[in-house]
C-alpha cells in the first residue's frame, strides 16, 4: 500500500476556510497521484482536467456539508502560499 501525497493538507476546520484555489490544488495532487501523470499528454489533458474539476467540486460539497463538532485536538493551520 502506498501513502497519499504528503503535501495534501487537511482542509476541514481551516480558519479562515480553505479557498477555492486550495481545494483545487488538493484535487490536482490527488488526480496526479491516482493517474500517475504529473502532466498528462495532449490526448489525456481534457479527461485529466475534468477529473480535477470533479474532485474539487466533490471536496467543496463535502466541506460544505460536514458538521464539525468542537474538538479538544487543534486543527493544524494550513500552510498557505505567500503572494509574490
PDB file of N, CA and C in Angstrom:
ATOM      1  N   UNK A   1       0.841  -1.181   0.000  1.00  0.00           N
ATOM      2  CA  UNK A   1       0.000   0.000   0.000  1.00  0.00           C
ATOM      3  C   UNK A   1       0.888   1.247   0.000  1.00  0.00           C
ATOM      4  N   UNK A   2       0.535   2.204  -0.838  1.00  0.00           N
ATOM      5  CA  UNK A   2       1.306   3.437  -0.891  1.00  0.00           C
ATOM      6  C   UNK A   2       0.619   4.504  -0.070  1.00  0.00           C
ATOM      7  N   UNK A   3       1.387   5.483   0.353  1.00  0.00           N
ATOM      8  CA  UNK A   3       0.812   6.575   1.124  1.00  0.00           C
ATOM      9  C   UNK A   3       0.319   7.661   0.181  1.00  0.00           C
ATOM     10  N   UNK A   4      -0.620   8.433   0.662  1.00  0.00           N
ATOM     11  CA  UNK A   4      -1.165   9.532  -0.130  1.00  0.00           C
ATOM     12  C   UNK A   4      -0.146  10.657  -0.180  1.00  0.00           C
ATOM     13  N   UNK A   5      -0.310  11.550  -1.126  1.00  0.00           N
ATOM     14  CA  UNK A   5       0.592  12.691  -1.254  1.00  0.00           C
ATOM     15  C   UNK A   5       0.733  13.393   0.084  1.00  0.00           C
ATOM     16  N   UNK A   6       1.927  13.579   0.504  1.00  0.00           N
ATOM     17  CA  UNK A   6       2.153  14.194   1.814  1.00  0.00           C
ATOM     18  C   UNK A   6       1.809  15.666   1.826  1.00  0.00           C
ATOM     19  N   UNK A   7       1.763  16.300   0.660  1.00  0.00           N
ATOM     20  CA  UNK A   7       1.507  17.731   0.644  1.00  0.00           C
ATOM     21  C   UNK A   7       0.012  18.068   0.558  1.00  0.00           C
ATOM     22  N   UNK A   8      -0.863  17.073   0.551  1.00  0.00           N
ATOM     23  CA  UNK A   8      -2.293  17.366   0.645  1.00  0.00           C
ATOM     24  C   UNK A   8      -2.594  17.613   2.118  1.00  0.00           C
ATOM     25  N   UNK A   9      -3.190  18.752   2.398  1.00  0.00           N
ATOM     26  CA  UNK A   9      -3.445  19.158   3.769  1.00  0.00           C
ATOM     27  C   UNK A   9      -4.901  18.937   4.154  1.00  0.00           C
ATOM     28  N   UNK A  10      -5.129  18.812   5.438  1.00  0.00           N
ATOM     29  CA  UNK A  10      -6.499  18.757   5.940  1.00  0.00           C
ATOM     30  C   UNK A  10      -7.137  20.124   5.721  1.00  0.00           C
ATOM     31  N   UNK A  11      -8.282  20.143   5.075  1.00  0.00           N
ATOM     32  CA  UNK A  11      -8.970  21.401   4.794  1.00  0.00           C
ATOM     33  C   UNK A  11     -10.156  21.620   5.735  1.00  0.00           C
ATOM     34  N   UNK A  12     -10.642  20.563   6.344  1.00  0.00           N
ATOM     35  CA  UNK A  12     -11.771  20.673   7.270  1.00  0.00           C
ATOM     36  C   UNK A  12     -11.348  21.485   8.490  1.00  0.00           C
ATOM     37  N   UNK A  13     -12.159  22.453   8.841  1.00  0.00           N
ATOM     38  CA  UNK A  13     -11.912  23.241  10.039  1.00  0.00           C
ATOM     39  C   UNK A  13     -10.873  24.328   9.886  1.00  0.00           C
ATOM     40  N   UNK A  14     -10.371  24.542   8.680  1.00  0.00           N
ATOM     41  CA  UNK A  14      -9.350  25.574   8.472  1.00  0.00           C
ATOM     42  C   UNK A  14      -9.934  26.946   8.771  1.00  0.00           C
ATOM     43  N   UNK A  15      -9.146  27.787   9.409  1.00  0.00           N
ATOM     44  CA  UNK A  15      -9.539  29.168   9.684  1.00  0.00           C
ATOM     45  C   UNK A  15      -8.468  30.086   9.130  1.00  0.00           C
ATOM     46  N   UNK A  16      -8.809  30.983   8.234  1.00  0.00           N
ATOM     47  CA  UNK A  16     -10.088  31.060   7.538  1.00  0.00           C
ATOM     48  C   UNK A  16     -10.301  29.820   6.681  1.00  0.00           C
ATOM     49  N   UNK A  17     -11.549  29.590   6.264  1.00  0.00           N
ATOM     50  CA  UNK A  17     -11.849  28.383   5.480  1.00  0.00           C
ATOM     51  C   UNK A  17     -10.985  28.278   4.225  1.00  0.00           C
ATOM     52  N   UNK A  18     -10.791  27.058   3.791  1.00  0.00           N
ATOM     53  CA  UNK A  18      -9.994  26.805   2.588  1.00  0.00           C
ATOM     54  C   UNK A  18     -10.574  27.564   1.400  1.00  0.00           C
ATOM     55  N   UNK A  19      -9.689  28.094   0.590  1.00  0.00           N
ATOM     56  CA  UNK A  19     -10.113  28.830  -0.593  1.00  0.00           C
ATOM     57  C   UNK A  19     -10.381  27.856  -1.735  1.00  0.00           C
ATOM     58  N   UNK A  20     -11.027  28.361  -2.768  1.00  0.00           N
ATOM     59  CA  UNK A  20     -11.271  27.561  -3.974  1.00  0.00           C
ATOM     60  C   UNK A  20      -9.937  27.084  -4.564  1.00  0.00           C
ATOM     61  N   UNK A  21      -8.935  27.944  -4.552  1.00  0.00           N
ATOM     62  CA  UNK A  21      -7.615  27.586  -5.095  1.00  0.00           C
ATOM     63  C   UNK A  21      -6.971  26.476  -4.260  1.00  0.00           C
ATOM     64  N   UNK A  22      -7.102  26.520  -2.942  1.00  0.00           N
ATOM     65  CA  UNK A  22      -6.522  25.481  -2.086  1.00  0.00           C
ATOM     66  C   UNK A  22      -7.225  24.142  -2.299  1.00  0.00           C
ATOM     67  N   UNK A  23      -8.535  24.193  -2.487  1.00  0.00           N
ATOM     68  CA  UNK A  23      -9.290  22.969  -2.760  1.00  0.00           C
ATOM     69  C   UNK A  23      -8.873  22.400  -4.111  1.00  0.00           C
ATOM     70  N   UNK A  24      -8.728  23.261  -5.102  1.00  0.00           N
ATOM     71  CA  UNK A  24      -8.315  22.801  -6.433  1.00  0.00           C
ATOM     72  C   UNK A  24      -6.900  22.231  -6.410  1.00  0.00           C
ATOM     73  N   UNK A  25      -5.997  22.854  -5.655  1.00  0.00           N
ATOM     74  CA  UNK A  25      -4.631  22.330  -5.534  1.00  0.00           C
ATOM     75  C   UNK A  25      -4.640  20.918  -4.948  1.00  0.00           C
ATOM     76  N   UNK A  26      -5.461  20.695  -3.931  1.00  0.00           N
ATOM     77  CA  UNK A  26      -5.559  19.361  -3.323  1.00  0.00           C
ATOM     78  C   UNK A  26      -6.129  18.361  -4.332  1.00  0.00           C
ATOM     79  N   UNK A  27      -7.144  18.790  -5.080  1.00  0.00           N
ATOM     80  CA  UNK A  27      -7.739  17.921  -6.103  1.00  0.00           C
ATOM     81  C   UNK A  27      -6.712  17.573  -7.178  1.00  0.00           C
ATOM     82  N   UNK A  28      -5.928  18.548  -7.588  1.00  0.00           N
ATOM     83  CA  UNK A  28      -4.888  18.320  -8.600  1.00  0.00           C
ATOM     84  C   UNK A  28      -3.868  17.302  -8.098  1.00  0.00           C
ATOM     85  N   UNK A  29      -3.432  17.444  -6.858  1.00  0.00           N
ATOM     86  CA  UNK A  29      -2.463  16.495  -6.300  1.00  0.00           C
ATOM     87  C   UNK A  29      -3.046  15.085  -6.252  1.00  0.00           C
ATOM     88  N   UNK A  30      -4.325  14.982  -5.877  1.00  0.00           N
ATOM     89  CA  UNK A  30      -4.983  13.674  -5.818  1.00  0.00           C
ATOM     90  C   UNK A  30      -5.051  13.038  -7.206  1.00  0.00           C
ATOM     91  N   UNK A  31      -5.479  13.801  -8.197  1.00  0.00           N
ATOM     92  CA  UNK A  31      -5.602  13.262  -9.562  1.00  0.00           C
ATOM     93  C   UNK A  31      -4.226  12.903 -10.116  1.00  0.00           C
ATOM     94  N   UNK A  32      -3.219  13.706  -9.829  1.00  0.00           N
ATOM     95  CA  UNK A  32      -1.857  13.363 -10.263  1.00  0.00           C
ATOM     96  C   UNK A  32      -1.431  12.027  -9.665  1.00  0.00           C
ATOM     97  N   UNK A  33      -1.727  11.838  -8.388  1.00  0.00           N
ATOM     98  CA  UNK A  33      -1.303  10.614  -7.712  1.00  0.00           C
ATOM     99  C   UNK A  33      -2.001   9.392  -8.290  1.00  0.00           C
ATOM    100  N   UNK A  34      -3.328   9.453  -8.425  1.00  0.00           N
ATOM    101  CA  UNK A  34      -4.046   8.259  -8.882  1.00  0.00           C
ATOM    102  C   UNK A  34      -3.856   8.002 -10.372  1.00  0.00           C
ATOM    103  N   UNK A  35      -3.597   9.050 -11.158  1.00  0.00           N
ATOM    104  CA  UNK A  35      -3.402   8.849 -12.601  1.00  0.00           C
ATOM    105  C   UNK A  35      -1.964   8.462 -12.942  1.00  0.00           C
ATOM    106  N   UNK A  36      -1.030   8.864 -12.097  1.00  0.00           N
ATOM    107  CA  UNK A  36       0.378   8.625 -12.406  1.00  0.00           C
ATOM    108  C   UNK A  36       0.969   9.665 -13.335  1.00  0.00           C
ATOM    109  N   UNK A  37       0.199  10.706 -13.647  1.00  0.00           N
ATOM    110  CA  UNK A  37       0.683  11.777 -14.527  1.00  0.00           C
ATOM    111  C   UNK A  37       0.941  13.043 -13.730  1.00  0.00           C
ATOM    112  N   UNK A  38       2.090  13.630 -13.939  1.00  0.00           N
ATOM    113  CA  UNK A  38       2.320  14.974 -13.409  1.00  0.00           C
ATOM    114  C   UNK A  38       1.677  15.960 -14.380  1.00  0.00           C
ATOM    115  N   UNK A  39       1.950  15.733 -15.661  1.00  0.00           N
ATOM    116  CA  UNK A  39       1.310  16.489 -16.740  1.00  0.00           C
ATOM    117  C   UNK A  39       0.854  15.467 -17.760  1.00  0.00           C
ATOM    118  N   UNK A  40      -0.445  15.403 -18.008  1.00  0.00           N
ATOM    119  CA  UNK A  40      -0.928  14.418 -18.977  1.00  0.00           C
ATOM    120  C   UNK A  40      -0.571  14.835 -20.408  1.00  0.00           C
ATOM    121  N   UNK A  41      -0.577  13.860 -21.294  1.00  0.00           N
ATOM    122  CA  UNK A  41      -0.352  14.145 -22.712  1.00  0.00           C
ATOM    123  C   UNK A  41      -1.536  14.951 -23.243  1.00  0.00           C
ATOM    124  N   UNK A  42      -1.373  15.531 -24.405  1.00  0.00           N
ATOM    125  CA  UNK A  42      -2.454  16.319 -25.011  1.00  0.00           C
ATOM    126  C   UNK A  42      -3.713  15.478 -25.183  1.00  0.00           C
ATOM    127  N   UNK A  43      -3.539  14.200 -25.510  1.00  0.00           N
ATOM    128  CA  UNK A  43      -4.710  13.339 -25.713  1.00  0.00           C
ATOM    129  C   UNK A  43      -5.434  13.012 -24.412  1.00  0.00           C
ATOM    130  N   UNK A  44      -4.763  13.196 -23.263  1.00  0.00           N
ATOM    131  CA  UNK A  44      -5.390  12.919 -21.969  1.00  0.00           C
ATOM    132  C   UNK A  44      -5.711  14.173 -21.167  1.00  0.00           C
ATOM    133  N   UNK A  45      -5.346  15.334 -21.667  1.00  0.00           N
ATOM    134  CA  UNK A  45      -5.497  16.576 -20.907  1.00  0.00           C
ATOM    135  C   UNK A  45      -6.948  16.875 -20.545  1.00  0.00           C
ATOM    136  N   UNK A  46      -7.874  16.690 -21.464  1.00  0.00           N
ATOM    137  CA  UNK A  46      -9.270  17.038 -21.199  1.00  0.00           C
ATOM    138  C   UNK A  46      -9.856  16.164 -20.087  1.00  0.00           C
ATOM    139  N   UNK A  47      -9.609  14.866 -20.152  1.00  0.00           N
ATOM    140  CA  UNK A  47     -10.155  13.970 -19.122  1.00  0.00           C
ATOM    141  C   UNK A  47      -9.465  14.213 -17.784  1.00  0.00           C
ATOM    142  N   UNK A  48      -8.182  14.525 -17.796  1.00  0.00           N
ATOM    143  CA  UNK A  48      -7.431  14.844 -16.585  1.00  0.00           C
ATOM    144  C   UNK A  48      -8.010  16.103 -15.934  1.00  0.00           C
ATOM    145  N   UNK A  49      -8.175  17.163 -16.728  1.00  0.00           N
ATOM    146  CA  UNK A  49      -8.713  18.422 -16.201  1.00  0.00           C
ATOM    147  C   UNK A  49     -10.135  18.255 -15.679  1.00  0.00           C
ATOM    148  N   UNK A  50     -10.939  17.455 -16.370  1.00  0.00           N
ATOM    149  CA  UNK A  50     -12.300  17.198 -15.921  1.00  0.00           C
ATOM    150  C   UNK A  50     -12.298  16.463 -14.579  1.00  0.00           C
ATOM    151  N   UNK A  51     -11.366  15.521 -14.420  1.00  0.00           N
ATOM    152  CA  UNK A  51     -11.253  14.801 -13.148  1.00  0.00           C
ATOM    153  C   UNK A  51     -10.884  15.756 -12.015  1.00  0.00           C
ATOM    154  N   UNK A  52      -9.965  16.687 -12.272  1.00  0.00           N
ATOM    155  CA  UNK A  52      -9.599  17.676 -11.249  1.00  0.00           C
ATOM    156  C   UNK A  52     -10.822  18.515 -10.878  1.00  0.00           C
ATOM    157  N   UNK A  53     -11.575  18.956 -11.879  1.00  0.00           N
ATOM    158  CA  UNK A  53     -12.791  19.742 -11.614  1.00  0.00           C
ATOM    159  C   UNK A  53     -13.790  18.937 -10.781  1.00  0.00           C
ATOM    160  N   UNK A  54     -13.983  17.665 -11.140  1.00  0.00           N
ATOM    161  CA  UNK A  54     -14.940  16.804 -10.432  1.00  0.00           C
ATOM    162  C   UNK A  54     -14.520  16.575  -8.986  1.00  0.00           C
ATOM    163  N   UNK A  55     -13.244  16.295  -8.772  1.00  0.00           N
ATOM    164  CA  UNK A  55     -12.757  16.061  -7.410  1.00  0.00           C
ATOM    165  C   UNK A  55     -12.866  17.340  -6.588  1.00  0.00           C
ATOM    166  N   UNK A  56     -12.498  18.479  -7.162  1.00  0.00           N
ATOM    167  CA  UNK A  56     -12.599  19.751  -6.441  1.00  0.00           C
ATOM    168  C   UNK A  56     -14.050  20.039  -6.058  1.00  0.00           C
ATOM    169  N   UNK A  57     -14.979  19.792  -6.965  1.00  0.00           N
ATOM    170  CA  UNK A  57     -16.399  20.020  -6.664  1.00  0.00           C
ATOM    171  C   UNK A  57     -16.876  19.075  -5.562  1.00  0.00           C
ATOM    172  N   UNK A  58     -16.443  17.819  -5.601  1.00  0.00           N
ATOM    173  CA  UNK A  58     -16.831  16.852  -4.564  1.00  0.00           C
ATOM    174  C   UNK A  58     -16.272  17.264  -3.204  1.00  0.00           C
ATOM    175  N   UNK A  59     -15.039  17.732  -3.180  1.00  0.00           N
ATOM    176  CA  UNK A  59     -14.435  18.177  -1.919  1.00  0.00           C
ATOM    177  C   UNK A  59     -15.182  19.392  -1.378  1.00  0.00           C
ATOM    178  N   UNK A  60     -15.530  20.334  -2.253  1.00  0.00           N
ATOM    179  CA  UNK A  60     -16.255  21.524  -1.810  1.00  0.00           C
ATOM    180  C   UNK A  60     -17.611  21.135  -1.220  1.00  0.00           C
ATOM    181  N   UNK A  61     -18.331  20.220  -1.900  1.00  0.00           N
ATOM    182  CA  UNK A  61     -19.623  19.752  -1.372  1.00  0.00           C
ATOM    183  C   UNK A  61     -19.444  19.074  -0.021  1.00  0.00           C
ATOM    184  N   UNK A  62     -18.402  18.273   0.105  1.00  0.00           N
ATOM    185  CA  UNK A  62     -18.150  17.592   1.369  1.00  0.00           C
ATOM    186  C   UNK A  62     -17.863  18.597   2.479  1.00  0.00           C
ATOM    187  N   UNK A  63     -16.960  19.550   2.226  1.00  0.00           N
ATOM    188  CA  UNK A  63     -16.625  20.540   3.247  1.00  0.00           C
ATOM    189  C   UNK A  63     -17.847  21.369   3.634  1.00  0.00           C
ATOM    190  N   UNK A  64     -18.671  21.702   2.646  1.00  0.00           N
ATOM    191  CA  UNK A  64     -19.886  22.477   2.926  1.00  0.00           C
ATOM    192  C   UNK A  64     -20.886  21.689   3.762  1.00  0.00           C
ATOM    193  N   UNK A  65     -20.890  20.362   3.625  1.00  0.00           N
ATOM    194  CA  UNK A  65     -21.873  19.543   4.306  1.00  0.00           C
ATOM    195  C   UNK A  65     -21.444  18.958   5.630  1.00  0.00           C
ATOM    196  N   UNK A  66     -20.143  18.998   5.933  1.00  0.00           N
ATOM    197  CA  UNK A  66     -19.668  18.409   7.181  1.00  0.00           C
ATOM    198  C   UNK A  66     -20.165  19.183   8.393  1.00  0.00           C
ATOM    199  N   UNK A  67     -20.546  18.452   9.404  1.00  0.00           N
ATOM    200  CA  UNK A  67     -20.876  19.050  10.696  1.00  0.00           C
ATOM    201  C   UNK A  67     -19.636  18.867  11.550  1.00  0.00           C
ATOM    202  N   UNK A  68     -19.006  19.959  11.895  1.00  0.00           N
ATOM    203  CA  UNK A  68     -17.751  19.900  12.630  1.00  0.00           C
ATOM    204  C   UNK A  68     -18.027  20.203  14.091  1.00  0.00           C
ATOM    205  N   UNK A  69     -17.844  19.186  14.920  1.00  0.00           N
ATOM    206  CA  UNK A  69     -18.036  19.353  16.362  1.00  0.00           C
ATOM    207  C   UNK A  69     -16.773  19.958  16.967  1.00  0.00           C
ATOM    208  N   UNK A  70     -16.936  20.705  18.053  1.00  0.00           N
ATOM    209  CA  UNK A  70     -15.748  21.223  18.727  1.00  0.00           C
ATOM    210  C   UNK A  70     -14.838  20.064  19.131  1.00  0.00           C
ATOM    211  N   UNK A  71     -13.565  20.276  19.004  1.00  0.00           N
ATOM    212  CA  UNK A  71     -12.607  19.220  19.294  1.00  0.00           C
ATOM    213  C   UNK A  71     -11.588  19.703  20.300  1.00  0.00           C
ATOM    214  N   UNK A  72     -11.115  18.775  21.097  1.00  0.00           N
ATOM    215  CA  UNK A  72     -10.045  19.123  22.022  1.00  0.00           C
ATOM    216  C   UNK A  72      -8.703  19.084  21.309  1.00  0.00           C
ATOM    217  N   UNK A  73      -8.709  18.508  20.111  1.00  0.00           N
ATOM    218  CA  UNK A  73      -7.482  18.418  19.312  1.00  0.00           C
ATOM    219  C   UNK A  73      -7.471  19.569  18.303  1.00  0.00           C
ATOM    220  N   UNK A  74      -6.474  20.423  18.346  1.00  0.00           N
ATOM    221  CA  UNK A  74      -6.453  21.561  17.412  1.00  0.00           C
ATOM    222  C   UNK A  74      -6.236  21.109  15.976  1.00  0.00           C
ATOM    223  N   UNK A  75      -6.821  21.872  15.055  1.00  0.00           N
ATOM    224  CA  UNK A  75      -6.620  21.625  13.628  1.00  0.00           C
ATOM    225  C   UNK A  75      -5.323  22.308  13.225  1.00  0.00           C
ATOM    226  N   UNK A  76      -4.486  21.560  12.508  1.00  0.00           N
ATOM    227  CA  UNK A  76      -3.233  22.150  12.026  1.00  0.00           C
ATOM    228  C   UNK A  76      -3.555  23.312  11.087  1.00  0.00           C
ATOM    229  N   UNK A  77      -2.876  24.438  11.229  1.00  0.00           N
ATOM    230  CA  UNK A  77      -3.140  25.550  10.311  1.00  0.00           C
ATOM    231  C   UNK A  77      -2.676  25.200   8.898  1.00  0.00           C
ATOM    232  N   UNK A  78      -3.409  25.698   7.909  1.00  0.00           N
ATOM    233  CA  UNK A  78      -2.995  25.490   6.524  1.00  0.00           C
ATOM    234  C   UNK A  78      -1.679  26.218   6.294  1.00  0.00           C
ATOM    235  N   UNK A  79      -0.833  25.598   5.537  1.00  0.00           N
ATOM    236  CA  UNK A  79       0.414  26.243   5.177  1.00  0.00           C
ATOM    237  C   UNK A  79       0.155  26.946   3.852  1.00  0.00           C
ATOM    238  N   UNK A  80      -0.354  28.142   3.969  1.00  0.00           N
ATOM    239  CA  UNK A  80      -0.757  28.894   2.791  1.00  0.00           C
ATOM    240  C   UNK A  80       0.456  29.497   2.102  1.00  0.00           C
ATOM    241  N   UNK A  81       0.346  29.537   0.778  1.00  0.00           N
ATOM    242  CA  UNK A  81       1.406  30.165  -0.011  1.00  0.00           C
ATOM    243  C   UNK A  81       1.325  31.663   0.165  1.00  0.00           C
ATOM    244  N   UNK A  82       2.482  32.286   0.191  1.00  0.00           N
ATOM    245  CA  UNK A  82       2.511  33.742   0.280  1.00  0.00           C
ATOM    246  C   UNK A  82       2.405  34.337  -1.110  1.00  0.00           C
ATOM    247  N   UNK A  83       1.681  35.437  -1.213  1.00  0.00           N
ATOM    248  CA  UNK A  83       1.565  36.119  -2.509  1.00  0.00           C
ATOM    249  C   UNK A  83       2.910  36.738  -2.850  1.00  0.00           C
ATOM    250  N   UNK A  84       3.267  36.654  -4.118  1.00  0.00           N
ATOM    251  CA  UNK A  84       4.560  37.200  -4.550  1.00  0.00           C
ATOM    252  C   UNK A  84       4.459  38.663  -4.821  1.00  0.00           C
TER     253      UNK A  84
END
